[in-house]
């Protein structure tokens, strides 16, 4: 399939989001467009939505009932929806195992392209992005701008914990600290100690 242009991707995003809302099942915008909704750069290749693994079959059937072109590729961790000349991935089992409703329900309602929809929690978004890095895909130029844009919305301690088994994720987190995009543990502890000392001094001041 040829690369979709931005207007096609945006129309596909809106169409599938509205269709997903009618299913009554939990879902969330994820991936590049979720990052964009939260202040990151706009992607130029596809749209991703997240659903719980236990809901995937029913969601696919309900979207097909709305005359959307739903395709199950050989991969068993997603299905695809084609609309407005663009491709939308509906993911239910990304790297790290099946997604459960608890994670999907952590999404935040946001207005995206004039449509209110759940947008994946920023920390979960970054965990998925870093967990997907491997020797075949580790393009930091595609990762760093998003991480920089979302840095204040992310629980970096949880990111480090949940991606600790991925050496590529660990390398990216190290680079983020070196670039002062994310404070390292020592700096955070120093800041906390400084704040506590300042508060104590303030209490003693006239």
Protein backbone atom coordinates (compact mmCIF):
# COMPACT_ATOMS: atom_id res chain seq x y z
CA UNK A 1 0.00 0.00 0.00
CA UNK A 2 1.34 3.43 -0.93
CA UNK A 3 2.17 5.89 1.81
CA UNK A 4 -0.97 7.68 2.97
CA UNK A 5 -1.10 11.45 3.07
CA UNK A 6 -1.95 13.36 6.21
CA UNK A 7 -5.54 14.17 5.26
CA UNK A 8 -6.30 10.51 4.51
CA UNK A 9 -4.79 9.44 7.84
CA UNK A 10 -6.77 12.05 9.74
CA UNK A 11 -10.05 11.06 8.08
CA UNK A 12 -9.34 7.40 8.77
CA UNK A 13 -8.56 8.18 12.41
CA UNK A 14 -11.86 10.00 12.87
CA UNK A 15 -13.92 7.40 11.05
CA UNK A 16 -12.54 4.45 12.99
CA UNK A 17 -12.69 6.31 16.31
CA UNK A 18 -16.39 7.06 15.83
CA UNK A 19 -17.02 3.45 14.80
CA UNK A 20 -15.15 2.16 17.85
CA UNK A 21 -17.22 4.39 20.11
CA UNK A 22 -20.42 2.79 18.83
CA UNK A 23 -19.18 -0.69 19.83
CA UNK A 24 -19.44 0.21 23.51
CA UNK A 25 -16.17 -1.63 24.17
CA UNK A 26 -13.09 0.12 25.62
CA UNK A 27 -10.46 1.37 23.19
CA UNK A 28 -7.75 4.00 23.02
CA UNK A 29 -5.86 5.92 20.39
CA UNK A 30 -2.23 4.79 20.69
CA UNK A 31 1.09 5.09 18.88
CA UNK A 32 2.16 8.11 16.88
CA UNK A 33 -1.20 9.85 16.79
CA UNK A 34 -1.68 9.42 20.54
CA UNK A 35 1.71 11.07 21.02
CA UNK A 36 0.65 13.81 18.58
CA UNK A 37 -2.55 14.41 20.55
CA UNK A 38 -0.36 14.84 23.64
CA UNK A 39 2.00 17.33 21.97
CA UNK A 40 4.39 15.19 19.94
CA UNK A 41 5.16 15.32 16.20
CA UNK A 42 2.49 14.11 13.76
CA UNK A 43 3.22 10.70 12.22
CA UNK A 44 3.08 10.09 8.49
CA UNK A 45 2.52 6.35 8.06
CA UNK A 46 -0.48 4.88 9.90
CA UNK A 47 -2.99 5.19 12.73
CA UNK A 48 -3.02 2.84 15.73
CA UNK A 49 -5.79 2.01 18.17
CA UNK A 50 -5.57 -0.25 21.22
CA UNK A 51 -8.24 -2.70 22.38
CA UNK A 52 -8.18 -5.40 25.04
CA UNK A 53 -7.14 -8.83 23.82
CA UNK A 54 -10.36 -10.34 25.16
CA UNK A 55 -12.41 -7.85 23.12
CA UNK A 56 -10.51 -8.05 19.82
CA UNK A 57 -12.72 -10.57 17.99
CA UNK A 58 -15.92 -8.79 18.96
CA UNK A 59 -14.52 -5.36 18.08
CA UNK A 60 -13.46 -6.58 14.64
CA UNK A 61 -16.90 -8.06 14.01
CA UNK A 62 -18.70 -4.88 15.08
CA UNK A 63 -16.51 -2.73 12.86
CA UNK A 64 -17.17 -5.03 9.91
CA UNK A 65 -20.89 -4.73 10.63
CA UNK A 66 -20.48 -0.98 10.02
CA UNK A 67 -19.25 -1.72 6.48
CA UNK A 68 -15.62 -1.01 7.31
CA UNK A 69 -13.02 -3.08 5.47
CA UNK A 70 -11.60 -5.23 8.28
CA UNK A 71 -8.68 -7.53 7.41
CA UNK A 72 -6.93 -10.11 9.59
CA UNK A 73 -3.27 -10.32 8.50
CA UNK A 74 -1.04 -13.34 9.26
CA UNK A 75 0.12 -11.61 12.44
CA UNK A 76 -2.15 -12.52 15.36
CA UNK A 77 -1.51 -9.42 17.46
CA UNK A 78 -3.61 -6.94 15.48
CA UNK A 79 -6.17 -6.52 12.73
CA UNK A 80 -6.34 -3.82 10.08
CA UNK A 81 -9.08 -1.47 8.98
CA UNK A 82 -8.94 0.26 5.59
CA UNK A 83 -10.90 3.45 5.05
CA UNK A 84 -10.45 6.74 3.18
CA UNK A 85 -7.48 5.24 1.33
CA UNK A 86 -5.56 4.77 4.58
CA UNK A 87 -4.72 1.91 6.93
CA UNK A 88 -5.59 1.76 10.61
CA UNK A 89 -4.04 -0.86 12.91
CA UNK A 90 -6.15 -2.09 15.82
CA UNK A 91 -3.67 -3.70 18.22
CA UNK A 92 -4.54 -6.07 21.04
CA UNK A 93 -1.31 -7.95 21.72
CA UNK A 94 1.74 -5.68 21.32
CA UNK A 95 5.28 -6.51 22.42
CA UNK A 96 5.11 -7.68 26.02
CA UNK A 97 1.94 -9.75 25.79
CA UNK A 98 -1.82 -9.30 25.53
CA UNK A 99 -3.41 -6.05 26.60
CA UNK A 100 -6.13 -6.21 29.24
CA UNK A 101 -9.01 -3.82 29.78
CA UNK A 102 -7.34 -2.28 32.83
CA UNK A 103 -4.64 -0.76 30.64
CA UNK A 104 -7.06 0.39 27.94
CA UNK A 105 -9.22 2.08 30.58
CA UNK A 106 -6.25 4.16 31.78
CA UNK A 107 -6.65 6.23 28.62
CA UNK A 108 -7.61 9.88 28.98
CA UNK A 109 -10.62 11.35 27.12
CA UNK A 110 -9.32 14.03 24.77
CA UNK A 111 -10.59 15.91 21.75
CA UNK A 112 -8.66 14.83 18.68
CA UNK A 113 -9.55 16.38 15.32
CA UNK A 114 -12.87 17.54 16.83
CA UNK A 115 -13.78 14.01 17.96
CA UNK A 116 -13.66 13.13 21.65
CA UNK A 117 -11.92 9.80 22.16
CA UNK A 118 -9.77 8.00 24.75
CA UNK A 119 -6.04 8.61 24.23
CA UNK A 120 -3.52 6.18 25.67
CA UNK A 121 -1.89 7.14 28.96
CA UNK A 122 1.46 8.82 28.24
CA UNK A 123 3.44 6.38 30.39
CA UNK A 124 1.85 3.35 28.73
CA UNK A 125 2.50 4.94 25.35
CA UNK A 126 6.22 5.35 26.09
CA UNK A 127 6.48 1.84 27.54
CA UNK A 128 5.06 0.38 24.31
CA UNK A 129 7.31 2.54 22.17
CA UNK A 130 10.49 1.56 24.01
CA UNK A 131 9.51 -2.10 24.37
CA UNK A 132 9.20 -2.35 20.57
CA UNK A 133 12.84 -1.38 20.02
CA UNK A 134 15.14 -4.16 18.84
CA UNK A 135 18.07 -4.77 16.50
CA UNK A 136 15.75 -4.45 13.50
CA UNK A 137 14.08 -1.23 14.60
CA UNK A 138 15.99 1.27 16.71
CA UNK A 139 15.66 4.59 14.87
CA UNK A 140 16.30 7.15 17.60
CA UNK A 141 15.44 10.03 15.26
CA UNK A 142 11.87 8.70 15.28
CA UNK A 143 11.79 8.13 19.04
CA UNK A 144 13.57 11.04 20.72
CA UNK A 145 11.29 13.89 19.53
CA UNK A 146 8.26 12.09 20.94
CA UNK A 147 9.94 11.32 24.26
CA UNK A 148 11.12 14.90 24.57
CA UNK A 149 7.60 16.22 23.92
CA UNK A 150 5.93 13.90 26.42
CA UNK A 151 8.61 13.95 29.14
CA UNK A 152 6.55 15.87 31.74
CA UNK A 153 3.53 13.57 31.31
CA UNK A 154 5.46 10.34 31.87
CA UNK A 155 6.23 8.31 34.99
CA UNK A 156 9.84 7.52 34.05
CA UNK A 157 10.38 5.27 37.06
CA UNK A 158 7.58 2.99 35.83
CA UNK A 159 8.93 3.16 32.27
CA UNK A 160 12.37 2.02 33.45
CA UNK A 161 10.87 -0.79 35.52
CA UNK A 162 8.55 -2.10 32.80
CA UNK A 163 11.20 -1.99 30.05
CA UNK A 164 14.12 -3.22 32.16
CA UNK A 165 14.51 -6.43 30.15
CA UNK A 166 15.03 -4.52 26.88
CA UNK A 167 18.64 -3.39 26.39
CA UNK A 168 17.65 -0.97 23.63
CA UNK A 169 15.11 0.70 25.92
CA UNK A 170 17.75 0.95 28.66
CA UNK A 171 20.13 2.60 26.17
CA UNK A 172 17.48 5.16 25.17
CA UNK A 173 16.74 5.98 28.81
CA UNK A 174 20.47 6.43 29.44
CA UNK A 175 20.68 8.79 26.47
CA UNK A 176 17.67 10.77 27.74
CA UNK A 177 19.49 11.29 31.03
CA UNK A 178 22.72 12.28 29.28
CA UNK A 179 20.77 14.84 27.20
CA UNK A 180 19.07 16.14 30.37
CA UNK A 181 15.66 15.36 28.90
CA UNK A 182 14.97 13.17 31.92
CA UNK A 183 16.63 13.70 35.31
CA UNK A 184 18.65 10.76 36.59
CA UNK A 185 17.92 9.26 39.99
CA UNK A 186 20.74 11.11 41.71
CA UNK A 187 19.56 14.48 40.43
CA UNK A 188 15.98 13.78 41.49
CA UNK A 189 17.08 12.78 44.99
CA UNK A 190 19.28 15.88 45.20
CA UNK A 191 16.38 18.12 44.21
CA UNK A 192 14.12 16.50 46.79
CA UNK A 193 16.74 16.93 49.53
CA UNK A 194 17.25 20.55 48.50
CA UNK A 195 13.51 21.22 48.66
CA UNK A 196 13.28 19.64 52.11
CA UNK A 197 16.23 21.71 53.39
CA UNK A 198 14.71 24.87 51.92
CA UNK A 199 11.41 24.15 53.64
CA UNK A 200 13.17 23.61 56.97
CA UNK A 201 15.16 26.84 56.59
CA UNK A 202 11.97 28.66 55.67
CA UNK A 203 10.31 27.46 58.83
CA UNK A 204 13.19 28.88 60.87
CA UNK A 205 13.24 32.22 59.08
CA UNK A 206 11.44 35.20 60.56
